[in-house]
């Protein structure tokens, strides 16, 4: 995760900036579970 924020994100910022929008949903912890 840290590599993404320190390296990948800065290198590809224009691409990410152009594809990310404000249409996101907040996931409540009680509604999220990992099955495995």
PDB file of N, CA and C in Angstrom:
ATOM      1  N   UNK A   1       0.836  -1.196   0.000  1.00  0.00           N
ATOM      2  CA  UNK A   1       0.000   0.000   0.000  1.00  0.00           C
ATOM      3  C   UNK A   1       0.874   1.250   0.000  1.00  0.00           C
ATOM      4  N   UNK A   2       1.902   1.249   0.828  1.00  0.00           N
ATOM      5  CA  UNK A   2       2.779   2.421   0.898  1.00  0.00           C
ATOM      6  C   UNK A   2       3.511   2.644  -0.432  1.00  0.00           C
ATOM      7  N   UNK A   3       3.897   1.557  -1.102  1.00  0.00           N
ATOM      8  CA  UNK A   3       4.558   1.691  -2.403  1.00  0.00           C
ATOM      9  C   UNK A   3       3.626   2.373  -3.400  1.00  0.00           C
ATOM     10  N   UNK A   4       2.345   2.014  -3.341  1.00  0.00           N
ATOM     11  CA  UNK A   4       1.371   2.640  -4.228  1.00  0.00           C
ATOM     12  C   UNK A   4       1.329   4.151  -4.005  1.00  0.00           C
ATOM     13  N   UNK A   5       1.218   4.588  -2.737  1.00  0.00           N
ATOM     14  CA  UNK A   5       1.105   6.012  -2.441  1.00  0.00           C
ATOM     15  C   UNK A   5       2.411   6.777  -2.658  1.00  0.00           C
ATOM     16  N   UNK A   6       3.537   6.115  -2.458  1.00  0.00           N
ATOM     17  CA  UNK A   6       4.827   6.797  -2.612  1.00  0.00           C
ATOM     18  C   UNK A   6       5.348   6.788  -4.043  1.00  0.00           C
ATOM     19  N   UNK A   7       5.021   5.758  -4.798  1.00  0.00           N
ATOM     20  CA  UNK A   7       5.619   5.597  -6.119  1.00  0.00           C
ATOM     21  C   UNK A   7       4.594   5.574  -7.256  1.00  0.00           C
ATOM     22  N   UNK A   8       3.689   4.645  -7.215  1.00  0.00           N
ATOM     23  CA  UNK A   8       2.740   4.452  -8.307  1.00  0.00           C
ATOM     24  C   UNK A   8       1.830   5.658  -8.502  1.00  0.00           C
ATOM     25  N   UNK A   9       1.241   6.144  -7.434  1.00  0.00           N
ATOM     26  CA  UNK A   9       0.311   7.278  -7.537  1.00  0.00           C
ATOM     27  C   UNK A   9       0.978   8.527  -8.113  1.00  0.00           C
ATOM     28  N   UNK A  10       2.135   8.951  -7.596  1.00  0.00           N
ATOM     29  CA  UNK A  10       2.761  10.139  -8.200  1.00  0.00           C
ATOM     30  C   UNK A  10       3.121   9.968  -9.682  1.00  0.00           C
ATOM     31  N   UNK A  11       3.584   8.786 -10.052  1.00  0.00           N
ATOM     32  CA  UNK A  11       3.978   8.556 -11.447  1.00  0.00           C
ATOM     33  C   UNK A  11       2.784   8.577 -12.388  1.00  0.00           C
ATOM     34  N   UNK A  12       1.622   8.119 -11.909  1.00  0.00           N
ATOM     35  CA  UNK A  12       0.448   7.981 -12.769  1.00  0.00           C
ATOM     36  C   UNK A  12      -0.679   8.928 -12.366  1.00  0.00           C
ATOM     37  N   UNK A  13      -0.348  10.029 -11.720  1.00  0.00           N
ATOM     38  CA  UNK A  13      -1.359  10.918 -11.168  1.00  0.00           C
ATOM     39  C   UNK A  13      -2.354  11.411 -12.222  1.00  0.00           C
ATOM     40  N   UNK A  14      -1.888  11.811 -13.392  1.00  0.00           N
ATOM     41  CA  UNK A  14      -2.806  12.328 -14.412  1.00  0.00           C
ATOM     42  C   UNK A  14      -3.830  11.279 -14.820  1.00  0.00           C
ATOM     43  N   UNK A  15      -3.398  10.058 -14.967  1.00  0.00           N
ATOM     44  CA  UNK A  15      -4.315   8.981 -15.337  1.00  0.00           C
ATOM     45  C   UNK A  15      -5.338   8.727 -14.233  1.00  0.00           C
ATOM     46  N   UNK A  16      -4.882   8.639 -12.996  1.00  0.00           N
ATOM     47  CA  UNK A  16      -5.801   8.424 -11.875  1.00  0.00           C
ATOM     48  C   UNK A  16      -6.750   9.597 -11.712  1.00  0.00           C
ATOM     49  N   UNK A  17      -6.230  10.802 -11.815  1.00  0.00           N
ATOM     50  CA  UNK A  17      -7.036  12.006 -11.638  1.00  0.00           C
ATOM     51  C   UNK A  17      -8.179  12.051 -12.641  1.00  0.00           C
ATOM     52  N   UNK A  18      -7.923  11.631 -13.850  1.00  0.00           N
ATOM     53  CA  UNK A  18      -8.932  11.686 -14.899  1.00  0.00           C
ATOM     54  C   UNK A  18      -9.971  10.574 -14.806  1.00  0.00           C
ATOM     55  N   UNK A  19      -9.666   9.497 -14.070  1.00  0.00           N
ATOM     56  CA  UNK A  19     -10.601   8.376 -14.010  1.00  0.00           C
ATOM     57  C   UNK A  19     -11.387   8.292 -12.705  1.00  0.00           C
ATOM     58  N   UNK A  20     -10.928   8.960 -11.667  1.00  0.00           N
ATOM     59  CA  UNK A  20     -11.618   8.903 -10.377  1.00  0.00           C
ATOM     60  C   UNK A  20     -12.714   9.964 -10.357  1.00  0.00           C
ATOM     61  N   UNK A  21     -13.888   9.561  -9.857  1.00  0.00           N
ATOM     62  CA  UNK A  21     -14.972  10.527  -9.738  1.00  0.00           C
ATOM     63  C   UNK A  21     -15.491  10.551  -8.303  1.00  0.00           C
ATOM     64  N   UNK A  22     -16.497  11.334  -8.045  1.00  0.00           N
ATOM     65  CA  UNK A  22     -17.038  11.472  -6.698  1.00  0.00           C
ATOM     66  C   UNK A  22     -18.170  10.494  -6.414  1.00  0.00           C
ATOM     67  N   UNK A  23     -18.390   9.545  -7.285  1.00  0.00           N
ATOM     68  CA  UNK A  23     -19.466   8.583  -7.118  1.00  0.00           C
ATOM     69  C   UNK A  23     -18.939   7.348  -6.368  1.00  0.00           C
ATOM     70  N   UNK A  24     -18.800   7.474  -5.059  1.00  0.00           N
ATOM     71  CA  UNK A  24     -18.307   6.369  -4.260  1.00  0.00           C
ATOM     72  C   UNK A  24     -19.254   6.113  -3.098  1.00  0.00           C
ATOM     73  N   UNK A  25     -19.123   4.930  -2.493  1.00  0.00           N
ATOM     74  CA  UNK A  25     -19.991   4.543  -1.396  1.00  0.00           C
ATOM     75  C   UNK A  25     -19.140   4.249  -0.166  1.00  0.00           C
ATOM     76  N   UNK A  26     -19.611   4.649   0.981  1.00  0.00           N
ATOM     77  CA  UNK A  26     -18.939   4.335   2.232  1.00  0.00           C
ATOM     78  C   UNK A  26     -19.469   2.996   2.724  1.00  0.00           C
ATOM     79  N   UNK A  27     -18.547   2.083   3.002  1.00  0.00           N
ATOM     80  CA  UNK A  27     -18.927   0.757   3.466  1.00  0.00           C
ATOM     81  C   UNK A  27     -18.870   0.755   4.988  1.00  0.00           C
ATOM     82  N   UNK A  28     -20.000   0.441   5.597  1.00  0.00           N
ATOM     83  CA  UNK A  28     -20.050   0.347   7.060  1.00  0.00           C
ATOM     84  C   UNK A  28     -19.356  -0.941   7.496  1.00  0.00           C
ATOM     85  N   UNK A  29     -18.538  -0.907   8.539  1.00  0.00           N
ATOM     86  CA  UNK A  29     -17.822  -2.121   8.978  1.00  0.00           C
ATOM     87  C   UNK A  29     -18.761  -3.286   9.275  1.00  0.00           C
ATOM     88  N   UNK A  30     -19.949  -3.018   9.831  1.00  0.00           N
ATOM     89  CA  UNK A  30     -20.859  -4.115  10.148  1.00  0.00           C
ATOM     90  C   UNK A  30     -21.474  -4.749   8.898  1.00  0.00           C
ATOM     91  N   UNK A  31     -21.416  -4.048   7.776  1.00  0.00           N
ATOM     92  CA  UNK A  31     -21.951  -4.591   6.527  1.00  0.00           C
ATOM     93  C   UNK A  31     -20.882  -5.297   5.700  1.00  0.00           C
ATOM     94  N   UNK A  32     -19.652  -5.244   6.151  1.00  0.00           N
ATOM     95  CA  UNK A  32     -18.522  -5.816   5.405  1.00  0.00           C
ATOM     96  C   UNK A  32     -18.000  -7.029   6.149  1.00  0.00           C
ATOM     97  N   UNK A  33     -17.852  -8.146   5.449  1.00  0.00           N
ATOM     98  CA  UNK A  33     -17.275  -9.319   6.075  1.00  0.00           C
ATOM     99  C   UNK A  33     -16.443 -10.077   5.057  1.00  0.00           C
ATOM    100  N   UNK A  34     -15.428 -10.750   5.555  1.00  0.00           N
ATOM    101  CA  UNK A  34     -14.537 -11.540   4.714  1.00  0.00           C
ATOM    102  C   UNK A  34     -14.887 -13.001   4.918  1.00  0.00           C
ATOM    103  N   UNK A  35     -15.132 -13.687   3.834  1.00  0.00           N
ATOM    104  CA  UNK A  35     -15.441 -15.115   3.897  1.00  0.00           C
ATOM    105  C   UNK A  35     -14.222 -15.865   3.398  1.00  0.00           C
ATOM    106  N   UNK A  36     -13.790 -16.813   4.163  1.00  0.00           N
ATOM    107  CA  UNK A  36     -12.620 -17.534   3.693  1.00  0.00           C
ATOM    108  C   UNK A  36     -12.088 -18.476   4.600  1.00  0.00           C
TER     109      UNK A  36
END
